[in-house]
Amino acid sequence: MKKTSRLAAAIAGCALLTLGLALPAEAHDTGAGVIGCGPESLYECGYGQVRDHHQIIDACDTYKDGDGLFVKYRLLGGGTGKVGDGNGSAAGCGIRRVGSTAAPVVQYNVCADQLIDQCTGWLWA
């Protein structure tokens, strides 16, 4: 009985440890804002994020100035693209599933679509 109890406790402990290590990685979302709007280019233009297992990109323009905002991305395996916020600073963001389990988003940057684009550096998703 003692051997069975210890084996069951060891299995339960391993299961909890595995679950504890796996959940944060699965839930990992990342985002960044881009500065460069308004007087003297001191205000945040909006933000972009990667979410849902590195498969969905959000591009959100939050500064009403007539300029847009977009997120460029790179997928595992080499695919690239961009997602923009089509309605400007009005409510709602540009949201698109661009990745998959086999080809998740691995890098992205957020850009204010101005005369000279203001972009973050490339960020790891």
Protein backbone atom coordinates (compact mmCIF):
# COMPACT_ATOMS: atom_id res chain seq x y z
CA MET A 1 0.00 0.00 0.00
CA LYS A 2 2.81 2.43 0.83
CA LYS A 3 4.52 1.76 -2.50
CA THR A 4 1.26 2.40 -4.39
CA SER A 5 0.62 5.64 -2.46
CA ARG A 6 4.12 6.93 -3.14
CA LEU A 7 3.82 6.05 -6.84
CA ALA A 8 0.44 7.81 -7.06
CA ALA A 9 1.85 10.88 -5.26
CA ALA A 10 4.86 10.97 -7.58
CA ILE A 11 2.63 10.74 -10.68
CA ALA A 12 0.31 13.46 -9.35
CA GLY A 13 3.32 15.69 -8.55
CA CYS A 14 4.75 15.24 -12.04
CA ALA A 15 1.36 15.99 -13.59
CA LEU A 16 1.01 19.21 -11.57
CA LEU A 17 4.55 20.26 -12.41
CA THR A 18 3.98 19.59 -16.12
CA LEU A 19 0.69 21.47 -16.08
CA GLY A 20 2.27 24.38 -14.21
CA LEU A 21 5.07 24.65 -16.75
CA ALA A 22 2.86 24.22 -19.83
CA LEU A 23 0.05 26.69 -19.11
CA PRO A 24 2.08 29.92 -19.00
CA ALA A 25 3.72 29.10 -22.34
CA GLU A 26 0.34 28.41 -23.92
CA ALA A 27 -1.14 31.63 -22.59
CA HIS A 28 1.76 33.86 -23.66
CA ASP A 29 0.54 37.00 -25.42
CA THR A 30 2.82 39.90 -26.26
CA GLY A 31 2.29 43.44 -27.42
CA ALA A 32 3.95 46.82 -27.92
CA GLY A 33 3.01 50.41 -28.54
CA VAL A 34 4.65 52.75 -31.02
CA ILE A 35 5.55 56.35 -30.14
CA GLY A 36 5.68 59.03 -32.82
CA CYS A 37 2.33 60.80 -33.02
CA GLY A 38 1.07 64.22 -32.02
CA PRO A 39 2.96 67.42 -31.32
CA GLU A 40 6.69 66.75 -31.44
CA SER A 41 5.97 63.03 -32.00
CA LEU A 42 5.73 62.33 -28.27
CA TYR A 43 2.48 60.36 -28.07
CA GLU A 44 1.65 56.70 -28.54
CA CYS A 45 0.05 56.14 -31.95
CA GLY A 46 -1.41 52.77 -31.03
CA TYR A 47 -0.32 49.24 -30.35
CA GLY A 48 0.01 45.81 -31.87
CA GLN A 49 -0.06 42.41 -30.30
CA VAL A 50 0.39 38.72 -31.00
CA ARG A 51 -1.99 36.36 -29.20
CA ASP A 52 -3.80 33.03 -29.24
CA HIS A 53 -0.82 30.69 -29.44
CA HIS A 54 1.12 33.09 -31.70
CA GLN A 55 -1.49 32.87 -34.44
CA ILE A 56 -3.47 36.15 -34.29
CA ILE A 57 -2.23 39.71 -34.88
CA ASP A 58 -4.08 42.79 -33.61
CA ALA A 59 -3.25 46.26 -34.97
CA CYS A 60 -4.93 49.08 -33.01
CA ASP A 61 -4.69 52.75 -34.00
CA THR A 62 -5.49 54.85 -30.93
CA TYR A 63 -4.40 58.36 -31.95
CA LYS A 64 -6.76 60.44 -34.10
CA ASP A 65 -4.39 62.10 -36.58
CA GLY A 66 -5.34 60.70 -39.98
CA ASP A 67 -2.34 58.36 -40.06
CA GLY A 68 -2.75 54.60 -39.86
CA LEU A 69 -1.09 51.87 -37.88
CA PHE A 70 0.05 48.42 -38.97
CA VAL A 71 1.90 45.38 -37.65
CA LYS A 72 4.49 43.56 -39.76
CA TYR A 73 5.16 39.93 -38.88
CA ARG A 74 7.38 36.96 -39.63
CA LEU A 75 6.23 33.36 -39.38
CA LEU A 76 8.24 30.28 -38.51
CA GLY A 77 9.38 28.99 -41.88
CA GLY A 78 9.83 32.41 -43.45
CA GLY A 79 6.38 33.77 -44.30
CA THR A 80 5.86 37.52 -43.85
CA GLY A 81 3.02 40.02 -44.04
CA LYS A 82 1.28 42.90 -42.36
CA VAL A 83 -2.03 43.64 -40.66
CA GLY A 84 -3.43 47.17 -40.55
CA ASP A 85 -6.20 48.91 -38.62
CA GLY A 86 -8.53 49.73 -41.51
CA ASN A 87 -10.82 52.15 -39.66
CA GLY A 88 -8.13 54.40 -38.17
CA SER A 89 -8.63 55.49 -34.60
CA ALA A 90 -12.36 54.61 -34.61
CA ALA A 91 -13.47 51.80 -32.30
CA GLY A 92 -12.23 48.38 -33.29
CA CYS A 93 -8.85 47.06 -34.38
CA GLY A 94 -7.47 45.21 -37.37
CA ILE A 95 -7.49 41.56 -36.32
CA ARG A 96 -6.35 38.65 -38.45
CA ARG A 97 -5.30 35.04 -37.93
CA VAL A 98 -2.02 34.84 -39.83
CA GLY A 99 -0.25 31.95 -38.15
CA SER A 100 -0.96 28.31 -37.40
CA THR A 101 0.32 25.64 -35.05
CA ALA A 102 2.89 24.62 -37.67
CA ALA A 103 3.81 28.21 -38.64
CA PRO A 104 3.31 30.54 -35.66
CA VAL A 105 4.28 34.21 -35.57
CA VAL A 106 7.87 34.43 -34.33
CA GLN A 107 8.62 38.15 -34.75
CA TYR A 108 6.67 41.35 -35.26
CA ASN A 109 6.99 45.11 -35.19
CA VAL A 110 4.42 47.88 -34.84
CA CYS A 111 4.47 50.88 -37.20
CA ALA A 112 2.68 54.22 -37.42
CA ASP A 113 1.93 54.76 -41.13
CA GLN A 114 3.28 58.30 -41.52
CA LEU A 115 5.36 60.15 -44.09
CA ILE A 116 8.33 58.37 -42.56
CA ASP A 117 7.09 55.23 -40.79
CA GLN A 118 7.71 55.16 -37.04
CA CYS A 119 8.31 51.52 -36.05
CA THR A 120 9.37 49.55 -33.03
CA GLY A 121 12.32 47.26 -33.57
CA TRP A 122 11.60 43.63 -34.36
CA LEU A 123 10.16 41.94 -31.28
CA TRP A 124 10.03 38.23 -30.44
CA ALA A 125 6.51 36.87 -30.20
